[in-house]
Amino acid sequence: YFGLPGAMAALGGMLAVPLVLVILLALVHAQFAGHPGVDGALRGMAAVSAGMIGAAGLKLSGSLARHPLPLAWGVLLAAVAFLMVALVRAPLPYVLFGVGGLACVLTYRRLKA
């Protein structure tokens, strides 16, 4: 399996198990959604997820020193993305494509110059 058929087989293999797991979790959640313990557990998982995202961001921030854009620009773009999602409640895909696309264009122009 080389080329497009191999790529499609690999993609299907990588997505099949997570898809089945998410569907099974959705079915279990539908059964127990009214239970107060489930609500508390999901709130706790949301807090853990937020903490893990923050930790990953801090871990990745070490590579900002080697990035072509100045550190101030990176911090500004991160702050704009955070404010758009947290305060303006803009949909995350729009923010990622908008701010991420802007960052890619700025980096490309900086490397080209």
C-alpha atoms as a PDB file:
ATOM      1  CA  TYR A   1       0.000   0.000   0.000  1.00  0.00           C
ATOM      2  CA  PHE A   2       1.900   2.996  -1.281  1.00  0.00           C
ATOM      3  CA  GLY A   3       0.657   6.338  -2.469  1.00  0.00           C
ATOM      4  CA  LEU A   4      -2.935   7.407  -2.009  1.00  0.00           C
ATOM      5  CA  PRO A   5      -4.314   3.944  -1.081  1.00  0.00           C
ATOM      6  CA  GLY A   6      -1.653   3.578   1.611  1.00  0.00           C
ATOM      7  CA  ALA A   7      -2.304   7.060   2.933  1.00  0.00           C
ATOM      8  CA  MET A   8      -6.024   6.358   3.117  1.00  0.00           C
ATOM      9  CA  ALA A   9      -5.417   3.012   4.866  1.00  0.00           C
ATOM     10  CA  ALA A  10      -3.099   4.686   7.389  1.00  0.00           C
ATOM     11  CA  LEU A  11      -5.582   7.484   8.031  1.00  0.00           C
ATOM     12  CA  GLY A  12      -8.402   4.991   8.497  1.00  0.00           C
ATOM     13  CA  GLY A  13      -6.279   2.953  10.878  1.00  0.00           C
ATOM     14  CA  MET A  14      -5.367   5.979  12.968  1.00  0.00           C
ATOM     15  CA  LEU A  15      -8.940   7.269  13.154  1.00  0.00           C
ATOM     16  CA  ALA A  16     -10.913   4.032  13.604  1.00  0.00           C
ATOM     17  CA  VAL A  17     -10.111   3.243  17.248  1.00  0.00           C
ATOM     18  CA  PRO A  18     -10.502   6.838  18.543  1.00  0.00           C
ATOM     19  CA  LEU A  19     -13.797   7.123  16.639  1.00  0.00           C
ATOM     20  CA  VAL A  20     -15.159   3.960  18.249  1.00  0.00           C
ATOM     21  CA  LEU A  21     -13.979   5.117  21.695  1.00  0.00           C
ATOM     22  CA  VAL A  22     -15.653   8.513  21.340  1.00  0.00           C
ATOM     23  CA  ILE A  23     -18.907   6.912  20.192  1.00  0.00           C
ATOM     24  CA  LEU A  24     -18.841   4.490  23.139  1.00  0.00           C
ATOM     25  CA  LEU A  25     -18.112   7.327  25.577  1.00  0.00           C
ATOM     26  CA  ALA A  26     -20.999   9.329  24.110  1.00  0.00           C
ATOM     27  CA  LEU A  27     -23.335   6.375  24.623  1.00  0.00           C
ATOM     28  CA  VAL A  28     -22.183   5.944  28.235  1.00  0.00           C
ATOM     29  CA  HIS A  29     -22.545   9.681  28.851  1.00  0.00           C
ATOM     30  CA  ALA A  30     -26.079   9.635  27.452  1.00  0.00           C
ATOM     31  CA  GLN A  31     -26.999   6.934  29.978  1.00  0.00           C
ATOM     32  CA  PHE A  32     -25.554   8.699  33.026  1.00  0.00           C
ATOM     33  CA  ALA A  33     -25.770  12.409  32.115  1.00  0.00           C
ATOM     34  CA  GLY A  34     -28.405  13.116  34.767  1.00  0.00           C
ATOM     35  CA  HIS A  35     -26.323  11.722  37.627  1.00  0.00           C
ATOM     36  CA  PRO A  36     -24.815  14.488  39.829  1.00  0.00           C
ATOM     37  CA  GLY A  37     -21.521  12.625  40.182  1.00  0.00           C
ATOM     38  CA  VAL A  38     -21.026  12.620  36.433  1.00  0.00           C
ATOM     39  CA  ASP A  39     -21.467  16.399  36.320  1.00  0.00           C
ATOM     40  CA  GLY A  40     -18.828  16.887  39.005  1.00  0.00           C
ATOM     41  CA  ALA A  41     -16.447  14.473  37.321  1.00  0.00           C
ATOM     42  CA  LEU A  42     -16.777  16.302  34.006  1.00  0.00           C
ATOM     43  CA  ARG A  43     -16.096  19.637  35.709  1.00  0.00           C
ATOM     44  CA  GLY A  44     -12.978  18.153  37.251  1.00  0.00           C
ATOM     45  CA  MET A  45     -11.857  16.777  33.900  1.00  0.00           C
ATOM     46  CA  ALA A  46     -12.363  20.204  32.329  1.00  0.00           C
ATOM     47  CA  ALA A  47     -10.118  21.771  34.976  1.00  0.00           C
ATOM     48  CA  VAL A  48      -7.469  19.097  34.412  1.00  0.00           C
ATOM     49  CA  SER A  49      -7.655  19.644  30.650  1.00  0.00           C
ATOM     50  CA  ALA A  50      -7.198  23.384  31.076  1.00  0.00           C
ATOM     51  CA  GLY A  51      -4.198  22.793  33.319  1.00  0.00           C
ATOM     52  CA  MET A  52      -2.633  20.377  30.848  1.00  0.00           C
ATOM     53  CA  ILE A  53      -3.110  22.852  28.002  1.00  0.00           C
ATOM     54  CA  GLY A  54      -1.466  25.565  30.098  1.00  0.00           C
ATOM     55  CA  ALA A  55       1.440  23.266  30.978  1.00  0.00           C
ATOM     56  CA  ALA A  56       1.925  22.346  27.322  1.00  0.00           C
ATOM     57  CA  GLY A  57       1.939  26.035  26.432  1.00  0.00           C
ATOM     58  CA  LEU A  58       4.585  26.758  29.057  1.00  0.00           C
ATOM     59  CA  LYS A  59       6.679  23.834  27.853  1.00  0.00           C
ATOM     60  CA  LEU A  60       6.478  25.041  24.258  1.00  0.00           C
ATOM     61  CA  SER A  61       7.282  28.639  25.218  1.00  0.00           C
ATOM     62  CA  GLY A  62      10.966  27.734  25.528  1.00  0.00           C
ATOM     63  CA  SER A  63      11.219  27.449  21.750  1.00  0.00           C
ATOM     64  CA  LEU A  64       9.973  31.017  21.268  1.00  0.00           C
ATOM     65  CA  ALA A  65      13.518  32.329  21.730  1.00  0.00           C
ATOM     66  CA  ARG A  66      14.559  30.614  18.475  1.00  0.00           C
ATOM     67  CA  HIS A  67      11.467  31.698  16.512  1.00  0.00           C
ATOM     68  CA  PRO A  68      11.979  34.232  13.696  1.00  0.00           C
ATOM     69  CA  LEU A  69       9.300  36.558  15.082  1.00  0.00           C
ATOM     70  CA  PRO A  70      10.215  38.747  18.056  1.00  0.00           C
ATOM     71  CA  LEU A  71       9.009  37.509  21.435  1.00  0.00           C
ATOM     72  CA  ALA A  72       6.690  40.510  21.815  1.00  0.00           C
ATOM     73  CA  TRP A  73       4.864  39.567  18.601  1.00  0.00           C
ATOM     74  CA  GLY A  74       4.399  35.999  19.788  1.00  0.00           C
ATOM     75  CA  VAL A  75       3.035  37.155  23.130  1.00  0.00           C
ATOM     76  CA  LEU A  76       0.738  39.631  21.376  1.00  0.00           C
ATOM     77  CA  LEU A  77      -0.621  36.970  19.011  1.00  0.00           C
ATOM     78  CA  ALA A  78      -1.175  34.564  21.916  1.00  0.00           C
ATOM     79  CA  ALA A  79      -2.972  37.278  23.896  1.00  0.00           C
ATOM     80  CA  VAL A  80      -5.179  38.151  20.923  1.00  0.00           C
ATOM     81  CA  ALA A  81      -6.091  34.485  20.455  1.00  0.00           C
ATOM     82  CA  PHE A  82      -6.874  34.096  24.162  1.00  0.00           C
ATOM     83  CA  LEU A  83      -9.015  37.245  24.261  1.00  0.00           C
ATOM     84  CA  MET A  84     -10.895  36.247  21.118  1.00  0.00           C
ATOM     85  CA  VAL A  85     -11.795  32.848  22.588  1.00  0.00           C
ATOM     86  CA  ALA A  86     -12.264  33.773  26.260  1.00  0.00           C
ATOM     87  CA  LEU A  87     -13.906  37.195  26.092  1.00  0.00           C
ATOM     88  CA  VAL A  88     -15.330  37.630  22.602  1.00  0.00           C
ATOM     89  CA  ARG A  89     -16.394  33.950  22.473  1.00  0.00           C
ATOM     90  CA  ALA A  90     -15.286  33.651  18.858  1.00  0.00           C
ATOM     91  CA  PRO A  91     -15.402  30.079  17.520  1.00  0.00           C
ATOM     92  CA  LEU A  92     -12.055  28.359  18.046  1.00  0.00           C
ATOM     93  CA  PRO A  93     -11.568  27.267  14.406  1.00  0.00           C
ATOM     94  CA  TYR A  94     -11.959  30.876  13.246  1.00  0.00           C
ATOM     95  CA  VAL A  95      -9.466  32.088  15.831  1.00  0.00           C
ATOM     96  CA  LEU A  96      -6.971  29.334  15.002  1.00  0.00           C
ATOM     97  CA  PHE A  97      -7.167  29.935  11.272  1.00  0.00           C
ATOM     98  CA  GLY A  98      -7.247  33.726  11.653  1.00  0.00           C
ATOM     99  CA  VAL A  99      -4.534  34.316  14.239  1.00  0.00           C
ATOM    100  CA  GLY A 100      -2.547  31.223  13.238  1.00  0.00           C
ATOM    101  CA  GLY A 101      -2.708  32.214   9.591  1.00  0.00           C
ATOM    102  CA  LEU A 102      -1.566  35.727  10.454  1.00  0.00           C
ATOM    103  CA  ALA A 103       1.343  34.297  12.460  1.00  0.00           C
ATOM    104  CA  CYS A 104       2.324  32.063   9.533  1.00  0.00           C
ATOM    105  CA  VAL A 105       2.227  34.980   7.090  1.00  0.00           C
ATOM    106  CA  LEU A 106       4.270  37.196   9.430  1.00  0.00           C
ATOM    107  CA  THR A 107       6.843  34.438   9.943  1.00  0.00           C
ATOM    108  CA  TYR A 108       7.068  33.764   6.212  1.00  0.00           C
ATOM    109  CA  ARG A 109       7.585  37.452   5.443  1.00  0.00           C
ATOM    110  CA  ARG A 110      10.199  37.707   8.193  1.00  0.00           C
ATOM    111  CA  LEU A 111      12.129  34.705   6.833  1.00  0.00           C
ATOM    112  CA  LYS A 112      11.862  35.950   3.260  1.00  0.00           C
ATOM    113  CA  ALA A 113      13.274  39.392   4.155  1.00  0.00           C
END
